[in-house]
Amino acid sequence: MKKVAVLQSNYIPWKGYFDIIHDVDEFIFYDEVQFTKNDWRNRNKIITKQGEIWLTVPVGMNKIHRLILDVQMKDSSWQKKHFATLEMAYHKAPYFKHYEEFLKFVYLEKTWTYLYELNRFLIENISRQFLGITTKFSDSRDYPTHGAKHEKLLSLVKAAQADVYVSGPAAKDYIIAEDYAREGIELVWKDYSGYPEYPQRNENFTHNVSILDLLFNVGDDAPYYIWAYKKRGGGSSLL
């Protein structure tokens, strides 16, 4: 039984994003869709001494009508700024040093032109190197699709030969569940509730921050706080 998830690439996404990757056999990046302003595609939250702040990749917001695939970063000066901000916020965190070499490569040694390439590199390498995820990654353009919005997504899921489609709950606004059932595809809504808290510098604990916060604070124990806790009676998996 093949399980598939389809999502847009996000910038250093939160742990729930990696949870859904871990749930499936194939994770399909779907960046041939409209770029949305002030969204997770080019920004995420981290925690500093002053509390939560946004870490935002500048992508020229004057160009509204463009696909995620077409979003470019014309000026690379933001890269040093993001590394310096992460270092200042987390240099005293227990496991910051463990990931420092990787961060230096991403922010100081390599120059990025396209947002989706940056996002996918971060997501795939964090998954493989630091979380031990073995899920197959692919691109929606690898498959023949047709239609728009709901129809296009369903055609993509069908082309990937999915038996089970795992979706984030936000997609309930546009997914027609009956169409998946008609195609013999089981539709599963991902449940992000139940994550255990971990040591965090925030006065009021929050789950909705970048995966980097979890990695810097707990290191190799990160998978426990995303999915492994379910096997110890901390919750029940949907899959």
C-alpha atoms as a PDB file:
ATOM      1  CA  MET A   1       0.000   0.000   0.000  1.00  0.00           C
ATOM      2  CA  LYS A   2       1.677   3.211  -1.189  1.00  0.00           C
ATOM      3  CA  LYS A   3       1.262   6.360   0.908  1.00  0.00           C
ATOM      4  CA  VAL A   4       1.870   9.750  -0.709  1.00  0.00           C
ATOM      5  CA  ALA A   5       1.916  13.363   0.489  1.00  0.00           C
ATOM      6  CA  VAL A   6       2.092  16.514  -1.638  1.00  0.00           C
ATOM      7  CA  LEU A   7       3.167  19.905  -0.279  1.00  0.00           C
ATOM      8  CA  GLN A   8       4.784  23.146  -1.374  1.00  0.00           C
ATOM      9  CA  SER A   9       8.377  23.580  -0.266  1.00  0.00           C
ATOM     10  CA  ASN A  10       8.699  25.771   2.836  1.00  0.00           C
ATOM     11  CA  TYR A  11      11.670  27.573   4.383  1.00  0.00           C
ATOM     12  CA  ILE A  12      13.146  25.613   7.331  1.00  0.00           C
ATOM     13  CA  PRO A  13       9.634  24.320   8.169  1.00  0.00           C
ATOM     14  CA  TRP A  14       8.266  23.247  11.532  1.00  0.00           C
ATOM     15  CA  LYS A  15       8.393  19.690  12.856  1.00  0.00           C
ATOM     16  CA  GLY A  16       4.886  18.851  11.583  1.00  0.00           C
ATOM     17  CA  TYR A  17       6.124  19.195   8.011  1.00  0.00           C
ATOM     18  CA  PHE A  18       8.750  16.521   8.667  1.00  0.00           C
ATOM     19  CA  ASP A  19       6.184  14.385  10.473  1.00  0.00           C
ATOM     20  CA  ILE A  20       4.071  14.162   7.330  1.00  0.00           C
ATOM     21  CA  ILE A  21       7.193  13.324   5.275  1.00  0.00           C
ATOM     22  CA  HIS A  22       7.958  10.503   7.708  1.00  0.00           C
ATOM     23  CA  ASP A  23       4.386   9.188   7.417  1.00  0.00           C
ATOM     24  CA  VAL A  24       4.575   8.429   3.694  1.00  0.00           C
ATOM     25  CA  ASP A  25       6.475   6.383   1.141  1.00  0.00           C
ATOM     26  CA  GLU A  26       6.769   9.250  -1.328  1.00  0.00           C
ATOM     27  CA  PHE A  27       6.755  12.978  -0.680  1.00  0.00           C
ATOM     28  CA  ILE A  28       6.084  15.148  -3.726  1.00  0.00           C
ATOM     29  CA  PHE A  29       7.171  18.784  -3.827  1.00  0.00           C
ATOM     30  CA  TYR A  30       4.410  20.795  -5.491  1.00  0.00           C
ATOM     31  CA  ASP A  31       5.979  24.131  -6.418  1.00  0.00           C
ATOM     32  CA  GLU A  32       4.315  24.667  -9.796  1.00  0.00           C
ATOM     33  CA  VAL A  33       1.586  26.658  -8.033  1.00  0.00           C
ATOM     34  CA  GLN A  34       1.046  30.307  -7.129  1.00  0.00           C
ATOM     35  CA  PHE A  35       3.537  31.832  -4.690  1.00  0.00           C
ATOM     36  CA  THR A  36       1.690  33.252  -1.704  1.00  0.00           C
ATOM     37  CA  LYS A  37       2.823  36.437   0.026  1.00  0.00           C
ATOM     38  CA  ASN A  38       3.530  36.418   3.784  1.00  0.00           C
ATOM     39  CA  ASP A  39       3.406  32.634   3.940  1.00  0.00           C
ATOM     40  CA  TRP A  40       5.697  29.787   4.999  1.00  0.00           C
ATOM     41  CA  ARG A  41       7.364  29.515   1.556  1.00  0.00           C
ATOM     42  CA  ASN A  42      10.014  32.114   2.377  1.00  0.00           C
ATOM     43  CA  ARG A  43       9.882  32.584   6.132  1.00  0.00           C
ATOM     44  CA  ASN A  44       9.644  30.826   9.467  1.00  0.00           C
ATOM     45  CA  LYS A  45       9.907  31.521  13.166  1.00  0.00           C
ATOM     46  CA  ILE A  46      12.815  30.992  15.532  1.00  0.00           C
ATOM     47  CA  ILE A  47      13.197  31.789  19.227  1.00  0.00           C
ATOM     48  CA  THR A  48      15.576  34.427  20.585  1.00  0.00           C
ATOM     49  CA  LYS A  49      16.095  35.973  24.016  1.00  0.00           C
ATOM     50  CA  GLN A  50      13.416  38.474  23.050  1.00  0.00           C
ATOM     51  CA  GLY A  51      10.962  35.717  22.092  1.00  0.00           C
ATOM     52  CA  GLU A  52       9.747  34.580  18.681  1.00  0.00           C
ATOM     53  CA  ILE A  53      10.938  36.378  15.561  1.00  0.00           C
ATOM     54  CA  TRP A  54      10.451  35.838  11.835  1.00  0.00           C
ATOM     55  CA  LEU A  55      13.392  34.782   9.703  1.00  0.00           C
ATOM     56  CA  THR A  56      12.402  35.939   6.202  1.00  0.00           C
ATOM     57  CA  VAL A  57      14.104  35.354   2.867  1.00  0.00           C
ATOM     58  CA  PRO A  58      13.666  38.520   0.724  1.00  0.00           C
ATOM     59  CA  VAL A  59      12.105  37.557  -2.608  1.00  0.00           C
ATOM     60  CA  GLY A  60      10.863  40.831  -4.092  1.00  0.00           C
ATOM     61  CA  MET A  61       7.248  41.047  -3.033  1.00  0.00           C
ATOM     62  CA  ASN A  62       6.426  43.486  -5.846  1.00  0.00           C
ATOM     63  CA  LYS A  63       6.092  40.510  -8.204  1.00  0.00           C
ATOM     64  CA  ILE A  64       2.895  38.909  -6.929  1.00  0.00           C
ATOM     65  CA  HIS A  65       1.795  36.735  -9.844  1.00  0.00           C
ATOM     66  CA  ARG A  66       4.452  34.035 -10.135  1.00  0.00           C
ATOM     67  CA  LEU A  67       4.874  30.376  -9.391  1.00  0.00           C
ATOM     68  CA  ILE A  68       6.946  29.207  -6.437  1.00  0.00           C
ATOM     69  CA  LEU A  69       9.325  27.691  -8.996  1.00  0.00           C
ATOM     70  CA  ASP A  70       9.992  31.145 -10.429  1.00  0.00           C
ATOM     71  CA  VAL A  71      10.749  32.972  -7.172  1.00  0.00           C
ATOM     72  CA  GLN A  72      14.344  34.199  -7.101  1.00  0.00           C
ATOM     73  CA  MET A  73      16.596  35.890  -4.555  1.00  0.00           C
ATOM     74  CA  LYS A  74      18.385  38.677  -6.410  1.00  0.00           C
ATOM     75  CA  ASP A  75      20.580  39.690  -3.474  1.00  0.00           C
ATOM     76  CA  SER A  76      22.415  37.070  -1.397  1.00  0.00           C
ATOM     77  CA  SER A  77      23.287  39.380   1.500  1.00  0.00           C
ATOM     78  CA  TRP A  78      20.390  37.905   3.505  1.00  0.00           C
ATOM     79  CA  GLN A  79      22.307  34.606   3.843  1.00  0.00           C
ATOM     80  CA  LYS A  80      24.975  36.007   6.185  1.00  0.00           C
ATOM     81  CA  LYS A  81      22.289  37.814   8.143  1.00  0.00           C
ATOM     82  CA  HIS A  82      20.276  34.630   8.666  1.00  0.00           C
ATOM     83  CA  PHE A  83      23.337  32.688   9.808  1.00  0.00           C
ATOM     84  CA  ALA A  84      24.333  35.478  12.208  1.00  0.00           C
ATOM     85  CA  THR A  85      20.789  35.607  13.612  1.00  0.00           C
ATOM     86  CA  LEU A  86      20.682  31.830  14.117  1.00  0.00           C
ATOM     87  CA  GLU A  87      24.119  31.845  15.735  1.00  0.00           C
ATOM     88  CA  MET A  88      23.222  34.678  18.092  1.00  0.00           C
ATOM     89  CA  ALA A  89      19.919  33.051  19.050  1.00  0.00           C
ATOM     90  CA  TYR A  90      21.178  29.496  19.527  1.00  0.00           C
ATOM     91  CA  HIS A  91      24.947  29.472  20.097  1.00  0.00           C
ATOM     92  CA  LYS A  92      24.356  28.453  23.711  1.00  0.00           C
ATOM     93  CA  ALA A  93      21.827  25.759  22.820  1.00  0.00           C
ATOM     94  CA  PRO A  94      23.108  22.245  23.678  1.00  0.00           C
ATOM     95  CA  TYR A  95      23.382  21.003  20.086  1.00  0.00           C
ATOM     96  CA  PHE A  96      23.981  24.099  17.970  1.00  0.00           C
ATOM     97  CA  LYS A  97      27.599  23.051  17.295  1.00  0.00           C
ATOM     98  CA  HIS A  98      26.371  19.706  15.974  1.00  0.00           C
ATOM     99  CA  TYR A  99      24.669  21.467  13.045  1.00  0.00           C
ATOM    100  CA  GLU A 100      26.981  24.451  12.623  1.00  0.00           C
ATOM    101  CA  GLU A 101      29.002  23.003   9.734  1.00  0.00           C
ATOM    102  CA  PHE A 102      25.829  22.286   7.783  1.00  0.00           C
ATOM    103  CA  LEU A 103      24.492  25.774   8.425  1.00  0.00           C
ATOM    104  CA  LYS A 104      27.752  27.380   7.331  1.00  0.00           C
ATOM    105  CA  PHE A 105      27.577  25.491   4.053  1.00  0.00           C
ATOM    106  CA  VAL A 106      23.974  26.560   3.448  1.00  0.00           C
ATOM    107  CA  TYR A 107      24.368  30.202   4.428  1.00  0.00           C
ATOM    108  CA  LEU A 108      28.029  31.106   3.970  1.00  0.00           C
ATOM    109  CA  GLU A 109      29.499  28.809   1.319  1.00  0.00           C
ATOM    110  CA  LYS A 110      26.696  28.391  -1.227  1.00  0.00           C
ATOM    111  CA  THR A 111      24.779  31.094  -3.074  1.00  0.00           C
ATOM    112  CA  TRP A 112      21.132  30.416  -3.836  1.00  0.00           C
ATOM    113  CA  THR A 113      19.191  31.824  -6.765  1.00  0.00           C
ATOM    114  CA  TYR A 114      15.827  30.061  -6.604  1.00  0.00           C
ATOM    115  CA  LEU A 115      13.808  29.815  -3.406  1.00  0.00           C
ATOM    116  CA  TYR A 116      12.504  26.319  -4.132  1.00  0.00           C
ATOM    117  CA  GLU A 117      16.056  24.978  -4.539  1.00  0.00           C
ATOM    118  CA  LEU A 118      17.058  26.383  -1.147  1.00  0.00           C
ATOM    119  CA  ASN A 119      13.933  25.039   0.532  1.00  0.00           C
ATOM    120  CA  ARG A 120      14.242  21.565  -0.959  1.00  0.00           C
ATOM    121  CA  PHE A 121      17.928  21.301  -0.099  1.00  0.00           C
ATOM    122  CA  LEU A 122      17.203  22.162   3.525  1.00  0.00           C
ATOM    123  CA  ILE A 123      14.195  19.857   3.772  1.00  0.00           C
ATOM    124  CA  GLU A 124      15.824  16.858   2.109  1.00  0.00           C
ATOM    125  CA  ASN A 125      19.096  17.130   4.009  1.00  0.00           C
ATOM    126  CA  ILE A 126      17.505  17.730   7.391  1.00  0.00           C
ATOM    127  CA  SER A 127      15.276  14.709   6.718  1.00  0.00           C
ATOM    128  CA  ARG A 128      18.103  12.427   5.629  1.00  0.00           C
ATOM    129  CA  GLN A 129      21.050  13.589   7.722  1.00  0.00           C
ATOM    130  CA  PHE A 130      19.455  14.599  11.000  1.00  0.00           C
ATOM    131  CA  LEU A 131      16.093  12.836  11.282  1.00  0.00           C
ATOM    132  CA  GLY A 132      16.859   9.507   9.602  1.00  0.00           C
ATOM    133  CA  ILE A 133      13.872   9.751   7.223  1.00  0.00           C
ATOM    134  CA  THR A 134      14.071   7.396   4.233  1.00  0.00           C
ATOM    135  CA  THR A 135      11.001   8.629   2.323  1.00  0.00           C
ATOM    136  CA  LYS A 136      11.410   9.096  -1.431  1.00  0.00           C
ATOM    137  CA  PHE A 137      11.389  12.746  -2.574  1.00  0.00           C
ATOM    138  CA  SER A 138      10.074  13.707  -5.997  1.00  0.00           C
ATOM    139  CA  ASP A 139       8.842  16.693  -8.009  1.00  0.00           C
ATOM    140  CA  SER A 140       5.264  17.152  -9.220  1.00  0.00           C
ATOM    141  CA  ARG A 141       6.708  17.854 -12.670  1.00  0.00           C
ATOM    142  CA  ASP A 142       7.894  14.237 -12.766  1.00  0.00           C
ATOM    143  CA  TYR A 143       4.276  13.178 -13.330  1.00  0.00           C
ATOM    144  CA  PRO A 144       1.672  13.921 -16.009  1.00  0.00           C
ATOM    145  CA  THR A 145      -1.180  16.008 -14.583  1.00  0.00           C
ATOM    146  CA  HIS A 146      -4.186  17.905 -15.873  1.00  0.00           C
ATOM    147  CA  GLY A 147      -6.732  20.461 -14.728  1.00  0.00           C
ATOM    148  CA  ALA A 148      -6.298  23.037 -11.979  1.00  0.00           C
ATOM    149  CA  LYS A 149      -6.433  23.168  -8.194  1.00  0.00           C
ATOM    150  CA  HIS A 150      -8.337  20.151  -6.806  1.00  0.00           C
ATOM    151  CA  GLU A 151      -8.452  18.353 -10.148  1.00  0.00           C
ATOM    152  CA  LYS A 152      -4.732  18.846 -10.815  1.00  0.00           C
ATOM    153  CA  LEU A 153      -3.784  17.647  -7.333  1.00  0.00           C
ATOM    154  CA  LEU A 154      -5.948  14.552  -7.633  1.00  0.00           C
ATOM    155  CA  SER A 155      -4.472  13.751 -11.036  1.00  0.00           C
ATOM    156  CA  LEU A 156      -0.999  14.049  -9.485  1.00  0.00           C
ATOM    157  CA  VAL A 157      -1.874  11.681  -6.651  1.00  0.00           C
ATOM    158  CA  LYS A 158      -3.312   9.215  -9.150  1.00  0.00           C
ATOM    159  CA  ALA A 159      -0.248   9.471 -11.410  1.00  0.00           C
ATOM    160  CA  ALA A 160       1.956   8.679  -8.404  1.00  0.00           C
ATOM    161  CA  GLN A 161      -0.127   5.495  -7.953  1.00  0.00           C
ATOM    162  CA  ALA A 162      -1.034   6.325  -4.377  1.00  0.00           C
ATOM    163  CA  ASP A 163      -3.287   4.015  -2.396  1.00  0.00           C
ATOM    164  CA  VAL A 164      -3.356   6.470   0.514  1.00  0.00           C
ATOM    165  CA  TYR A 165      -3.083  10.255   0.269  1.00  0.00           C
ATOM    166  CA  VAL A 166      -1.979  12.005   3.480  1.00  0.00           C
ATOM    167  CA  SER A 167      -2.955  15.675   3.552  1.00  0.00           C
ATOM    168  CA  GLY A 168      -2.539  18.541   5.950  1.00  0.00           C
ATOM    169  CA  PRO A 169      -5.828  19.749   7.495  1.00  0.00           C
ATOM    170  CA  ALA A 170      -5.663  23.140   5.735  1.00  0.00           C
ATOM    171  CA  ALA A 171      -6.458  21.391   2.438  1.00  0.00           C
ATOM    172  CA  LYS A 172      -9.986  20.636   3.674  1.00  0.00           C
ATOM    173  CA  ASP A 173     -10.899  24.031   2.202  1.00  0.00           C
ATOM    174  CA  TYR A 174     -10.523  22.792  -1.365  1.00  0.00           C
ATOM    175  CA  ILE A 175     -10.171  18.986  -1.461  1.00  0.00           C
ATOM    176  CA  ILE A 176     -13.330  17.086  -2.437  1.00  0.00           C
ATOM    177  CA  ALA A 177     -13.042  13.891  -0.405  1.00  0.00           C
ATOM    178  CA  GLU A 178     -15.651  12.048  -2.458  1.00  0.00           C
ATOM    179  CA  ASP A 179     -13.485  12.305  -5.578  1.00  0.00           C
ATOM    180  CA  TYR A 180     -10.635  10.481  -3.831  1.00  0.00           C
ATOM    181  CA  ALA A 181     -12.992   7.766  -2.625  1.00  0.00           C
ATOM    182  CA  ARG A 182     -14.352   7.402  -6.163  1.00  0.00           C
ATOM    183  CA  GLU A 183     -10.783   6.778  -7.393  1.00  0.00           C
ATOM    184  CA  GLY A 184     -10.177   4.179  -4.690  1.00  0.00           C
ATOM    185  CA  ILE A 185      -7.691   6.402  -2.843  1.00  0.00           C
ATOM    186  CA  GLU A 186      -7.928   6.559   0.938  1.00  0.00           C
ATOM    187  CA  LEU A 187      -7.757  10.160   2.140  1.00  0.00           C
ATOM    188  CA  VAL A 188      -6.104  10.670   5.535  1.00  0.00           C
ATOM    189  CA  TRP A 189      -6.109  14.041   7.286  1.00  0.00           C
ATOM    190  CA  LYS A 190      -2.881  14.558   9.201  1.00  0.00           C
ATOM    191  CA  ASP A 191      -3.369  15.229  12.909  1.00  0.00           C
ATOM    192  CA  TYR A 192      -0.710  17.557  14.319  1.00  0.00           C
ATOM    193  CA  SER A 193      -1.931  17.407  17.894  1.00  0.00           C
ATOM    194  CA  GLY A 194      -0.203  15.633  20.766  1.00  0.00           C
ATOM    195  CA  TYR A 195       3.417  16.610  20.218  1.00  0.00           C
ATOM    196  CA  PRO A 196       5.284  16.557  23.542  1.00  0.00           C
ATOM    197  CA  GLU A 197       7.024  19.696  24.721  1.00  0.00           C
ATOM    198  CA  TYR A 198      10.818  19.819  24.741  1.00  0.00           C
ATOM    199  CA  PRO A 199      13.341  22.083  26.502  1.00  0.00           C
ATOM    200  CA  GLN A 200      12.886  25.490  24.897  1.00  0.00           C
ATOM    201  CA  ARG A 201      14.087  28.980  25.779  1.00  0.00           C
ATOM    202  CA  ASN A 202      10.665  30.508  25.160  1.00  0.00           C
ATOM    203  CA  GLU A 203       8.804  31.642  28.270  1.00  0.00           C
ATOM    204  CA  ASN A 204       5.582  30.216  26.856  1.00  0.00           C
ATOM    205  CA  PHE A 205       6.322  27.008  24.953  1.00  0.00           C
ATOM    206  CA  THR A 206       5.282  26.991  21.311  1.00  0.00           C
ATOM    207  CA  HIS A 207       5.292  24.186  18.743  1.00  0.00           C
ATOM    208  CA  ASN A 208       4.953  26.479  15.729  1.00  0.00           C
ATOM    209  CA  VAL A 209       8.605  27.310  15.111  1.00  0.00           C
ATOM    210  CA  SER A 210      11.257  26.044  12.709  1.00  0.00           C
ATOM    211  CA  ILE A 211      12.573  22.487  13.043  1.00  0.00           C
ATOM    212  CA  LEU A 212      15.934  24.109  13.811  1.00  0.00           C
ATOM    213  CA  ASP A 213      14.703  25.053  17.281  1.00  0.00           C
ATOM    214  CA  LEU A 214      14.003  21.397  18.062  1.00  0.00           C
ATOM    215  CA  LEU A 215      17.308  20.196  16.607  1.00  0.00           C
ATOM    216  CA  PHE A 216      19.397  22.774  18.459  1.00  0.00           C
ATOM    217  CA  ASN A 217      17.749  21.907  21.769  1.00  0.00           C
ATOM    218  CA  VAL A 218      17.506  18.100  21.680  1.00  0.00           C
ATOM    219  CA  GLY A 219      19.878  16.949  18.899  1.00  0.00           C
ATOM    220  CA  ASP A 220      19.549  13.322  17.860  1.00  0.00           C
ATOM    221  CA  ASP A 221      16.500  12.910  20.112  1.00  0.00           C
ATOM    222  CA  ALA A 222      14.453  15.097  17.724  1.00  0.00           C
ATOM    223  CA  PRO A 223      12.561  12.150  16.128  1.00  0.00           C
ATOM    224  CA  TYR A 224      11.123  11.244  19.526  1.00  0.00           C
ATOM    225  CA  TYR A 225       9.425  14.643  19.769  1.00  0.00           C
ATOM    226  CA  ILE A 226       7.969  14.355  16.238  1.00  0.00           C
ATOM    227  CA  TRP A 227       6.792  10.750  15.835  1.00  0.00           C
ATOM    228  CA  ALA A 228       8.619   8.227  18.021  1.00  0.00           C
ATOM    229  CA  TYR A 229       6.769   9.317  21.189  1.00  0.00           C
ATOM    230  CA  LYS A 230       3.643   7.683  19.731  1.00  0.00           C
ATOM    231  CA  LYS A 231       5.226   4.262  20.100  1.00  0.00           C
ATOM    232  CA  ARG A 232       5.690   4.824  23.817  1.00  0.00           C
ATOM    233  CA  GLY A 233       2.061   5.479  24.590  1.00  0.00           C
ATOM    234  CA  GLY A 234       2.260   9.226  24.023  1.00  0.00           C
ATOM    235  CA  GLY A 235      -0.347   9.183  21.288  1.00  0.00           C
ATOM    236  CA  SER A 236      -1.647   7.152  18.404  1.00  0.00           C
ATOM    237  CA  SER A 237      -0.496   7.375  14.820  1.00  0.00           C
ATOM    238  CA  LEU A 238      -3.017   7.821  12.038  1.00  0.00           C
ATOM    239  CA  LEU A 239      -1.116   5.476   9.786  1.00  0.00           C
END
